[in-house]
């Protein structure tokens, strides 16, 4: 029982550090080259995409300024880097053993990127949401679709892997 709790704690720790900064989970898992590479890429994309300025403007509800500050060509790399780092840290910590476990995070990266692409145009209740908040709102959509596809594929492959009574041995 204690071993399972320790293992779950280790996976959660790696995920949470990776959420804090891509690459930290890898460093925690002693994957130093990968960790430093991800931290370096995070800084490059963050700086060239103006992400910290976007975060500040977004929390101050200065959405037009956030949109103007956004370098979309660089910031579009961020969701894939971010969700890959989370998945990789989780997997290296011993998680991700279920079939197709990666799909919710892959689809999250896709949908957060789509949210970013449309963040300068989509309004909710007449208000622009911007390049930080709209991608966050697209996250549950990606998680849900990825989780649903994972569930469907798992069912399909489980049904196909069990021998049919009429199949010859």
N, C-alpha and C. Protein backbone atom coordinates (compact mmCIF):
# COMPACT_ATOMS: atom_id res chain seq x y z
N UNK A 1 0.83 -1.20 0.00
CA UNK A 1 0.00 0.00 0.00
C UNK A 1 0.87 1.26 0.00
N UNK A 2 1.88 1.27 0.86
CA UNK A 2 2.77 2.44 0.96
C UNK A 2 3.54 2.65 -0.34
N UNK A 3 3.93 1.55 -1.00
CA UNK A 3 4.65 1.66 -2.27
C UNK A 3 3.79 2.31 -3.33
N UNK A 4 2.52 1.92 -3.42
CA UNK A 4 1.61 2.52 -4.39
C UNK A 4 1.42 4.00 -4.12
N UNK A 5 1.29 4.38 -2.85
CA UNK A 5 1.12 5.78 -2.49
C UNK A 5 2.37 6.57 -2.86
N UNK A 6 3.54 6.03 -2.60
CA UNK A 6 4.80 6.69 -2.95
C UNK A 6 4.92 6.85 -4.46
N UNK A 7 4.54 5.81 -5.21
CA UNK A 7 4.60 5.86 -6.67
C UNK A 7 3.65 6.93 -7.21
N UNK A 8 2.44 7.00 -6.67
CA UNK A 8 1.47 8.02 -7.10
C UNK A 8 1.97 9.41 -6.74
N UNK A 9 2.57 9.54 -5.57
CA UNK A 9 3.11 10.83 -5.14
C UNK A 9 4.22 11.28 -6.08
N UNK A 10 5.06 10.35 -6.49
CA UNK A 10 6.17 10.66 -7.39
C UNK A 10 5.65 11.14 -8.75
N UNK A 11 4.63 10.46 -9.28
CA UNK A 11 4.04 10.87 -10.56
C UNK A 11 3.43 12.26 -10.45
N UNK A 12 2.67 12.49 -9.39
CA UNK A 12 2.03 13.78 -9.20
C UNK A 12 3.08 14.89 -9.04
N UNK A 13 4.13 14.61 -8.30
CA UNK A 13 5.20 15.59 -8.11
C UNK A 13 5.82 15.97 -9.45
N UNK A 14 6.10 14.97 -10.30
CA UNK A 14 6.70 15.25 -11.61
C UNK A 14 5.76 16.08 -12.48
N UNK A 15 4.47 15.75 -12.45
CA UNK A 15 3.48 16.49 -13.24
C UNK A 15 3.39 17.94 -12.75
N UNK A 16 3.30 18.13 -11.45
CA UNK A 16 3.13 19.48 -10.91
C UNK A 16 4.36 20.35 -11.17
N UNK A 17 5.56 19.79 -11.05
CA UNK A 17 6.76 20.57 -11.36
C UNK A 17 6.82 20.90 -12.85
N UNK A 18 6.35 19.97 -13.68
CA UNK A 18 6.35 20.22 -15.11
C UNK A 18 5.32 21.28 -15.49
N UNK A 19 4.20 21.31 -14.78
CA UNK A 19 3.21 22.37 -14.99
C UNK A 19 3.80 23.72 -14.59
N UNK A 20 4.56 23.74 -13.50
CA UNK A 20 5.18 24.99 -13.06
C UNK A 20 6.15 25.52 -14.10
N UNK A 21 6.99 24.67 -14.66
CA UNK A 21 7.92 25.08 -15.71
C UNK A 21 8.33 23.84 -16.50
N UNK A 22 8.04 23.81 -17.79
CA UNK A 22 8.43 22.65 -18.59
C UNK A 22 9.92 22.36 -18.45
N UNK A 23 10.22 21.10 -18.16
CA UNK A 23 11.60 20.66 -17.96
C UNK A 23 11.91 20.36 -16.51
N UNK A 24 11.20 20.99 -15.58
CA UNK A 24 11.47 20.73 -14.16
C UNK A 24 11.13 19.28 -13.78
N UNK A 25 10.06 18.74 -14.35
CA UNK A 25 9.71 17.34 -14.09
C UNK A 25 10.79 16.39 -14.57
N UNK A 26 11.38 16.71 -15.72
CA UNK A 26 12.47 15.89 -16.25
C UNK A 26 13.69 15.98 -15.34
N UNK A 27 14.00 17.18 -14.86
CA UNK A 27 15.13 17.33 -13.94
C UNK A 27 14.88 16.53 -12.66
N UNK A 28 13.66 16.57 -12.17
CA UNK A 28 13.29 15.78 -10.99
C UNK A 28 13.47 14.29 -11.25
N UNK A 29 13.16 13.86 -12.47
CA UNK A 29 13.30 12.45 -12.85
C UNK A 29 14.73 12.09 -13.28
N UNK A 30 15.65 13.01 -13.08
CA UNK A 30 17.07 12.84 -13.40
C UNK A 30 17.33 12.63 -14.89
N UNK A 31 16.49 13.22 -15.72
CA UNK A 31 16.69 13.24 -17.17
C UNK A 31 17.24 14.62 -17.50
N UNK A 32 18.51 14.83 -17.19
CA UNK A 32 19.09 16.17 -17.18
C UNK A 32 19.18 16.82 -18.56
N UNK A 33 19.61 16.08 -19.56
CA UNK A 33 19.74 16.67 -20.90
C UNK A 33 18.37 17.10 -21.41
N UNK A 34 17.41 16.19 -21.30
CA UNK A 34 16.05 16.50 -21.73
C UNK A 34 15.47 17.66 -20.91
N UNK A 35 15.71 17.65 -19.63
CA UNK A 35 15.19 18.70 -18.74
C UNK A 35 15.75 20.06 -19.09
N UNK A 36 17.07 20.16 -19.24
CA UNK A 36 17.66 21.46 -19.57
C UNK A 36 17.26 21.92 -20.97
N UNK A 37 17.10 20.97 -21.90
CA UNK A 37 16.64 21.32 -23.24
C UNK A 37 15.23 21.90 -23.18
N UNK A 38 14.34 21.27 -22.43
CA UNK A 38 12.96 21.77 -22.32
C UNK A 38 12.90 23.11 -21.60
N UNK A 39 13.69 23.28 -20.55
CA UNK A 39 13.73 24.58 -19.86
C UNK A 39 14.23 25.66 -20.82
N UNK A 40 15.28 25.34 -21.58
CA UNK A 40 15.81 26.30 -22.54
C UNK A 40 14.81 26.65 -23.62
N UNK A 41 14.14 25.65 -24.17
CA UNK A 41 13.12 25.92 -25.18
C UNK A 41 11.97 26.73 -24.60
N UNK A 42 11.61 26.45 -23.36
CA UNK A 42 10.53 27.21 -22.72
C UNK A 42 10.92 28.68 -22.62
N UNK A 43 12.13 28.96 -22.21
CA UNK A 43 12.57 30.36 -22.11
C UNK A 43 12.61 31.04 -23.47
N UNK A 44 13.11 30.34 -24.48
CA UNK A 44 13.18 30.93 -25.82
C UNK A 44 11.78 31.27 -26.33
N UNK A 45 10.87 30.30 -26.27
CA UNK A 45 9.51 30.52 -26.77
C UNK A 45 8.80 31.57 -25.93
N UNK A 46 8.99 31.52 -24.62
CA UNK A 46 8.35 32.47 -23.73
C UNK A 46 8.80 33.90 -24.06
N UNK A 47 10.09 34.10 -24.21
CA UNK A 47 10.62 35.45 -24.47
C UNK A 47 10.23 35.92 -25.87
N UNK A 48 10.43 35.08 -26.88
CA UNK A 48 10.13 35.50 -28.25
C UNK A 48 8.63 35.61 -28.53
N UNK A 49 7.82 34.89 -27.76
CA UNK A 49 6.37 35.00 -27.90
C UNK A 49 5.76 36.06 -27.01
N UNK A 50 6.60 36.68 -26.15
CA UNK A 50 6.15 37.71 -25.20
C UNK A 50 5.15 37.18 -24.18
N UNK A 51 5.28 35.92 -23.80
CA UNK A 51 4.27 35.26 -22.99
C UNK A 51 4.11 35.89 -21.60
N UNK A 52 5.20 36.24 -20.95
CA UNK A 52 5.07 36.85 -19.62
C UNK A 52 4.31 38.18 -19.68
N UNK A 53 4.57 38.98 -20.71
CA UNK A 53 3.84 40.24 -20.87
C UNK A 53 2.36 39.97 -21.12
N UNK A 54 2.08 38.94 -21.90
CA UNK A 54 0.68 38.55 -22.18
C UNK A 54 -0.02 38.14 -20.88
N UNK A 55 0.67 37.40 -20.04
CA UNK A 55 0.09 36.98 -18.76
C UNK A 55 -0.23 38.19 -17.89
N UNK A 56 0.71 39.12 -17.83
CA UNK A 56 0.48 40.33 -17.01
C UNK A 56 -0.71 41.11 -17.54
N UNK A 57 -0.73 41.38 -18.84
CA UNK A 57 -1.86 42.11 -19.43
C UNK A 57 -3.18 41.36 -19.21
N UNK A 58 -3.16 40.05 -19.36
CA UNK A 58 -4.39 39.27 -19.22
C UNK A 58 -4.94 39.32 -17.81
N UNK A 59 -4.08 39.23 -16.82
CA UNK A 59 -4.54 39.31 -15.43
C UNK A 59 -5.04 40.71 -15.09
N UNK A 60 -4.56 41.70 -15.81
CA UNK A 60 -5.03 43.08 -15.61
C UNK A 60 -6.23 43.39 -16.51
N UNK A 61 -6.72 42.38 -17.23
CA UNK A 61 -7.84 42.50 -18.16
C UNK A 61 -7.59 43.54 -19.25
N UNK A 62 -6.33 43.68 -19.65
CA UNK A 62 -5.95 44.54 -20.78
C UNK A 62 -5.78 43.63 -22.01
N UNK A 63 -6.91 43.11 -22.48
CA UNK A 63 -6.89 42.08 -23.51
C UNK A 63 -6.36 42.61 -24.84
N UNK A 64 -6.75 43.81 -25.22
CA UNK A 64 -6.24 44.38 -26.48
C UNK A 64 -4.72 44.50 -26.44
N UNK A 65 -4.18 44.94 -25.31
CA UNK A 65 -2.72 45.04 -25.18
C UNK A 65 -2.07 43.65 -25.23
N UNK A 66 -2.73 42.68 -24.63
CA UNK A 66 -2.20 41.31 -24.66
C UNK A 66 -2.15 40.79 -26.10
N UNK A 67 -3.19 41.07 -26.85
CA UNK A 67 -3.23 40.64 -28.25
C UNK A 67 -2.12 41.33 -29.04
N UNK A 68 -1.96 42.63 -28.83
CA UNK A 68 -0.90 43.37 -29.53
C UNK A 68 0.49 42.87 -29.17
N UNK A 69 0.68 42.45 -27.94
CA UNK A 69 1.99 41.98 -27.50
C UNK A 69 2.32 40.57 -27.99
N UNK A 70 1.31 39.84 -28.42
CA UNK A 70 1.50 38.43 -28.77
C UNK A 70 2.25 38.27 -30.09
N UNK A 71 3.29 37.47 -30.03
CA UNK A 71 3.97 37.02 -31.25
C UNK A 71 3.45 35.60 -31.50
N UNK A 72 2.38 35.52 -32.29
CA UNK A 72 1.70 34.25 -32.51
C UNK A 72 2.61 33.21 -33.15
N UNK A 73 3.51 33.64 -34.02
CA UNK A 73 4.39 32.69 -34.71
C UNK A 73 5.27 31.92 -33.73
N UNK A 74 5.66 32.55 -32.64
CA UNK A 74 6.45 31.87 -31.62
C UNK A 74 5.58 31.20 -30.57
N UNK A 75 4.53 31.87 -30.16
CA UNK A 75 3.72 31.36 -29.05
C UNK A 75 2.96 30.09 -29.43
N UNK A 76 2.73 29.87 -30.71
CA UNK A 76 2.04 28.65 -31.12
C UNK A 76 2.84 27.39 -30.83
N UNK A 77 4.14 27.50 -30.60
CA UNK A 77 4.94 26.34 -30.22
C UNK A 77 4.71 25.95 -28.76
N UNK A 78 4.28 26.91 -27.97
CA UNK A 78 4.22 26.72 -26.52
C UNK A 78 3.30 25.59 -26.07
N UNK A 79 2.05 25.47 -26.58
CA UNK A 79 1.19 24.40 -26.09
C UNK A 79 1.77 23.01 -26.30
N UNK A 80 2.36 22.77 -27.46
CA UNK A 80 2.94 21.44 -27.70
C UNK A 80 4.11 21.17 -26.78
N UNK A 81 4.97 22.15 -26.60
CA UNK A 81 6.10 21.99 -25.69
C UNK A 81 5.60 21.74 -24.27
N UNK A 82 4.63 22.53 -23.85
CA UNK A 82 4.10 22.47 -22.49
C UNK A 82 3.48 21.11 -22.19
N UNK A 83 2.58 20.66 -23.06
CA UNK A 83 1.90 19.39 -22.79
C UNK A 83 2.81 18.19 -23.01
N UNK A 84 3.75 18.30 -23.95
CA UNK A 84 4.72 17.21 -24.10
C UNK A 84 5.57 17.08 -22.83
N UNK A 85 6.02 18.20 -22.28
CA UNK A 85 6.84 18.16 -21.07
C UNK A 85 6.08 17.53 -19.91
N UNK A 86 4.81 17.85 -19.78
CA UNK A 86 3.99 17.26 -18.71
C UNK A 86 3.87 15.75 -18.93
N UNK A 87 3.52 15.36 -20.14
CA UNK A 87 3.36 13.93 -20.44
C UNK A 87 4.67 13.17 -20.22
N UNK A 88 5.75 13.72 -20.72
CA UNK A 88 7.05 13.05 -20.63
C UNK A 88 7.49 12.89 -19.17
N UNK A 89 7.29 13.92 -18.37
CA UNK A 89 7.65 13.83 -16.94
C UNK A 89 6.81 12.77 -16.24
N UNK A 90 5.53 12.73 -16.55
CA UNK A 90 4.63 11.73 -15.97
C UNK A 90 5.04 10.33 -16.37
N UNK A 91 5.33 10.14 -17.65
CA UNK A 91 5.74 8.82 -18.15
C UNK A 91 7.07 8.38 -17.53
N UNK A 92 8.02 9.31 -17.46
CA UNK A 92 9.32 8.96 -16.86
C UNK A 92 9.21 8.66 -15.37
N UNK A 93 8.18 9.19 -14.72
CA UNK A 93 7.97 8.91 -13.29
C UNK A 93 7.21 7.61 -13.07
N UNK A 94 6.88 6.91 -14.16
CA UNK A 94 6.22 5.62 -14.05
C UNK A 94 4.76 5.61 -14.44
N UNK A 95 4.25 6.72 -14.92
CA UNK A 95 2.84 6.79 -15.31
C UNK A 95 2.64 6.48 -16.78
N UNK A 96 1.40 6.61 -17.21
CA UNK A 96 1.09 6.44 -18.63
C UNK A 96 1.11 5.02 -19.11
N UNK A 97 0.81 4.08 -18.25
CA UNK A 97 0.85 2.66 -18.63
C UNK A 97 -0.43 2.19 -19.32
N UNK A 98 -1.53 2.92 -19.12
CA UNK A 98 -2.79 2.53 -19.76
C UNK A 98 -2.69 2.77 -21.26
N UNK A 99 -3.39 1.96 -22.05
CA UNK A 99 -3.35 2.17 -23.50
C UNK A 99 -3.86 3.56 -23.88
N UNK A 100 -3.16 4.18 -24.79
CA UNK A 100 -3.53 5.49 -25.33
C UNK A 100 -3.62 6.57 -24.27
N UNK A 101 -2.88 6.43 -23.19
CA UNK A 101 -2.93 7.39 -22.07
C UNK A 101 -2.47 8.79 -22.49
N UNK A 102 -1.72 8.88 -23.54
CA UNK A 102 -1.19 10.16 -24.00
C UNK A 102 -2.24 11.02 -24.71
N UNK A 103 -3.32 10.43 -25.18
CA UNK A 103 -4.26 11.15 -26.04
C UNK A 103 -4.89 12.40 -25.40
N UNK A 104 -5.31 12.38 -24.13
CA UNK A 104 -5.87 13.61 -23.57
C UNK A 104 -4.89 14.80 -23.62
N UNK A 105 -3.62 14.57 -23.36
CA UNK A 105 -2.66 15.67 -23.41
C UNK A 105 -2.33 16.08 -24.84
N UNK A 106 -2.30 15.13 -25.75
CA UNK A 106 -2.06 15.48 -27.16
C UNK A 106 -3.19 16.36 -27.67
N UNK A 107 -4.42 15.97 -27.40
CA UNK A 107 -5.55 16.77 -27.86
C UNK A 107 -5.65 18.09 -27.12
N UNK A 108 -5.18 18.13 -25.89
CA UNK A 108 -5.11 19.40 -25.17
C UNK A 108 -4.17 20.35 -25.89
N UNK A 109 -3.02 19.85 -26.32
CA UNK A 109 -2.07 20.69 -27.06
C UNK A 109 -2.71 21.21 -28.34
N UNK A 110 -3.42 20.34 -29.06
CA UNK A 110 -4.08 20.76 -30.29
C UNK A 110 -5.09 21.87 -30.02
N UNK A 111 -5.97 21.64 -29.05
CA UNK A 111 -7.06 22.60 -28.83
C UNK A 111 -6.59 23.90 -28.19
N UNK A 112 -5.59 23.84 -27.34
CA UNK A 112 -5.03 25.08 -26.79
C UNK A 112 -4.40 25.90 -27.91
N UNK A 113 -3.75 25.23 -28.85
CA UNK A 113 -3.18 25.93 -30.01
C UNK A 113 -4.29 26.57 -30.84
N UNK A 114 -5.37 25.84 -31.06
CA UNK A 114 -6.51 26.39 -31.82
C UNK A 114 -7.08 27.60 -31.07
N UNK A 115 -7.21 27.50 -29.76
CA UNK A 115 -7.69 28.63 -28.97
C UNK A 115 -6.79 29.84 -29.12
N UNK A 116 -5.48 29.61 -29.15
CA UNK A 116 -4.53 30.70 -29.35
C UNK A 116 -4.71 31.34 -30.73
N UNK A 117 -4.86 30.50 -31.74
CA UNK A 117 -5.00 31.01 -33.11
C UNK A 117 -6.19 31.96 -33.23
N UNK A 118 -7.29 31.62 -32.59
CA UNK A 118 -8.52 32.41 -32.71
C UNK A 118 -8.70 33.42 -31.58
N UNK A 119 -7.71 33.57 -30.74
CA UNK A 119 -7.86 34.40 -29.54
C UNK A 119 -8.04 35.89 -29.82
N UNK A 120 -7.64 36.34 -30.98
CA UNK A 120 -7.80 37.77 -31.31
C UNK A 120 -9.17 38.05 -31.94
N UNK A 121 -9.97 37.00 -32.18
CA UNK A 121 -11.25 37.18 -32.87
C UNK A 121 -12.46 36.70 -32.10
N UNK A 122 -12.31 35.63 -31.35
CA UNK A 122 -13.48 35.04 -30.67
C UNK A 122 -13.85 35.89 -29.46
N UNK A 123 -15.13 36.22 -29.42
CA UNK A 123 -15.67 36.96 -28.29
C UNK A 123 -16.67 36.07 -27.56
N UNK A 124 -16.68 36.20 -26.26
CA UNK A 124 -17.66 35.51 -25.44
C UNK A 124 -18.46 36.58 -24.70
N UNK A 125 -19.77 36.55 -24.92
CA UNK A 125 -20.66 37.58 -24.38
C UNK A 125 -20.18 38.99 -24.76
N UNK A 126 -19.67 39.10 -25.98
CA UNK A 126 -19.24 40.40 -26.49
C UNK A 126 -17.85 40.84 -26.08
N UNK A 127 -17.13 40.00 -25.35
CA UNK A 127 -15.80 40.37 -24.86
C UNK A 127 -14.73 39.48 -25.49
N UNK A 128 -13.66 40.14 -25.95
CA UNK A 128 -12.49 39.37 -26.38
C UNK A 128 -11.89 38.69 -25.15
N UNK A 129 -11.50 37.45 -25.33
CA UNK A 129 -10.95 36.68 -24.20
C UNK A 129 -9.43 36.76 -24.19
N UNK A 130 -8.84 36.80 -25.37
CA UNK A 130 -7.40 37.02 -25.48
C UNK A 130 -6.55 35.78 -25.55
N UNK A 131 -5.24 35.98 -25.75
CA UNK A 131 -4.32 34.89 -26.03
C UNK A 131 -3.91 34.06 -24.82
N UNK A 132 -4.35 34.42 -23.64
CA UNK A 132 -4.09 33.56 -22.49
C UNK A 132 -5.36 32.84 -22.06
N UNK A 133 -6.46 33.59 -21.92
CA UNK A 133 -7.68 33.01 -21.37
C UNK A 133 -8.40 32.10 -22.36
N UNK A 134 -8.47 32.44 -23.64
CA UNK A 134 -9.18 31.59 -24.59
C UNK A 134 -8.51 30.22 -24.74
N UNK A 135 -7.20 30.15 -24.88
CA UNK A 135 -6.58 28.82 -24.91
C UNK A 135 -6.87 28.01 -23.65
N UNK A 136 -6.92 28.65 -22.50
CA UNK A 136 -7.24 27.93 -21.27
C UNK A 136 -8.67 27.40 -21.33
N UNK A 137 -9.58 28.18 -21.92
CA UNK A 137 -10.96 27.71 -22.07
C UNK A 137 -11.08 26.54 -23.06
N UNK A 138 -10.14 26.46 -24.01
CA UNK A 138 -10.14 25.35 -24.96
C UNK A 138 -9.53 24.07 -24.36
N UNK A 139 -8.82 24.19 -23.26
CA UNK A 139 -8.17 23.03 -22.63
C UNK A 139 -9.15 21.91 -22.27
N UNK A 140 -10.26 22.19 -21.57
CA UNK A 140 -11.17 21.08 -21.23
C UNK A 140 -11.76 20.39 -22.46
N UNK A 141 -11.90 21.14 -23.55
CA UNK A 141 -12.39 20.53 -24.79
C UNK A 141 -11.39 19.49 -25.28
N UNK A 142 -10.12 19.88 -25.30
CA UNK A 142 -9.07 18.95 -25.73
C UNK A 142 -8.96 17.74 -24.82
N UNK A 143 -8.99 17.98 -23.51
CA UNK A 143 -8.94 16.87 -22.55
C UNK A 143 -10.11 15.92 -22.76
N UNK A 144 -11.30 16.47 -22.96
CA UNK A 144 -12.51 15.65 -23.13
C UNK A 144 -12.46 14.84 -24.41
N UNK A 145 -12.12 15.49 -25.51
CA UNK A 145 -12.06 14.78 -26.79
C UNK A 145 -10.97 13.72 -26.76
N UNK A 146 -9.81 14.07 -26.23
CA UNK A 146 -8.72 13.09 -26.12
C UNK A 146 -9.11 11.93 -25.22
N UNK A 147 -9.77 12.22 -24.11
CA UNK A 147 -10.23 11.16 -23.21
C UNK A 147 -11.27 10.27 -23.86
N UNK A 148 -12.17 10.89 -24.63
CA UNK A 148 -13.20 10.11 -25.33
C UNK A 148 -12.56 9.20 -26.39
N UNK A 149 -11.63 9.74 -27.17
CA UNK A 149 -10.95 8.93 -28.19
C UNK A 149 -10.15 7.81 -27.53
N UNK A 150 -9.52 8.11 -26.40
CA UNK A 150 -8.79 7.08 -25.66
C UNK A 150 -9.75 5.95 -25.24
N UNK A 151 -10.91 6.33 -24.73
CA UNK A 151 -11.91 5.35 -24.29
C UNK A 151 -12.39 4.50 -25.46
N UNK A 152 -12.69 5.15 -26.60
CA UNK A 152 -13.17 4.43 -27.78
C UNK A 152 -12.10 3.47 -28.29
N UNK A 153 -10.88 3.95 -28.46
CA UNK A 153 -9.80 3.09 -28.97
C UNK A 153 -9.51 1.93 -28.03
N UNK A 154 -9.57 2.18 -26.73
CA UNK A 154 -9.35 1.10 -25.76
C UNK A 154 -10.43 0.04 -25.91
N UNK A 155 -11.68 0.47 -26.05
CA UNK A 155 -12.79 -0.48 -26.24
C UNK A 155 -12.60 -1.28 -27.52
N UNK A 156 -12.26 -0.59 -28.61
CA UNK A 156 -12.09 -1.26 -29.90
C UNK A 156 -10.98 -2.31 -29.81
N UNK A 157 -9.84 -1.92 -29.27
CA UNK A 157 -8.71 -2.84 -29.21
C UNK A 157 -8.93 -3.96 -28.22
N UNK A 158 -9.63 -3.71 -27.14
CA UNK A 158 -9.96 -4.80 -26.20
C UNK A 158 -10.91 -5.79 -26.84
N UNK A 159 -11.91 -5.28 -27.57
CA UNK A 159 -12.86 -6.17 -28.24
C UNK A 159 -12.19 -6.98 -29.34
N UNK A 160 -11.25 -6.37 -30.04
CA UNK A 160 -10.55 -7.07 -31.12
C UNK A 160 -9.50 -8.04 -30.60
N UNK A 161 -9.04 -7.84 -29.37
CA UNK A 161 -7.97 -8.70 -28.86
C UNK A 161 -8.51 -9.94 -28.18
N UNK A 162 -9.79 -9.97 -27.83
CA UNK A 162 -10.35 -11.18 -27.21
C UNK A 162 -10.76 -12.13 -28.32
N UNK A 163 -10.39 -13.38 -28.18
CA UNK A 163 -10.71 -14.34 -29.26
C UNK A 163 -12.21 -14.55 -29.38
N UNK A 164 -12.66 -14.61 -30.59
CA UNK A 164 -14.06 -14.88 -30.87
C UNK A 164 -14.26 -16.39 -30.80
N UNK A 165 -15.42 -16.87 -30.30
CA UNK A 165 -15.62 -18.32 -30.17
C UNK A 165 -15.52 -19.07 -31.50
N UNK A 166 -15.80 -18.41 -32.61
CA UNK A 166 -15.74 -19.07 -33.92
C UNK A 166 -14.36 -19.03 -34.54
N UNK A 167 -13.43 -18.24 -33.95
CA UNK A 167 -12.09 -18.13 -34.51
C UNK A 167 -11.32 -19.41 -34.24
N UNK A 168 -10.59 -19.91 -35.28
CA UNK A 168 -9.76 -21.10 -35.03
C UNK A 168 -8.58 -20.76 -34.13
N UNK A 169 -8.19 -21.70 -33.32
CA UNK A 169 -7.05 -21.48 -32.43
C UNK A 169 -5.81 -21.66 -33.16
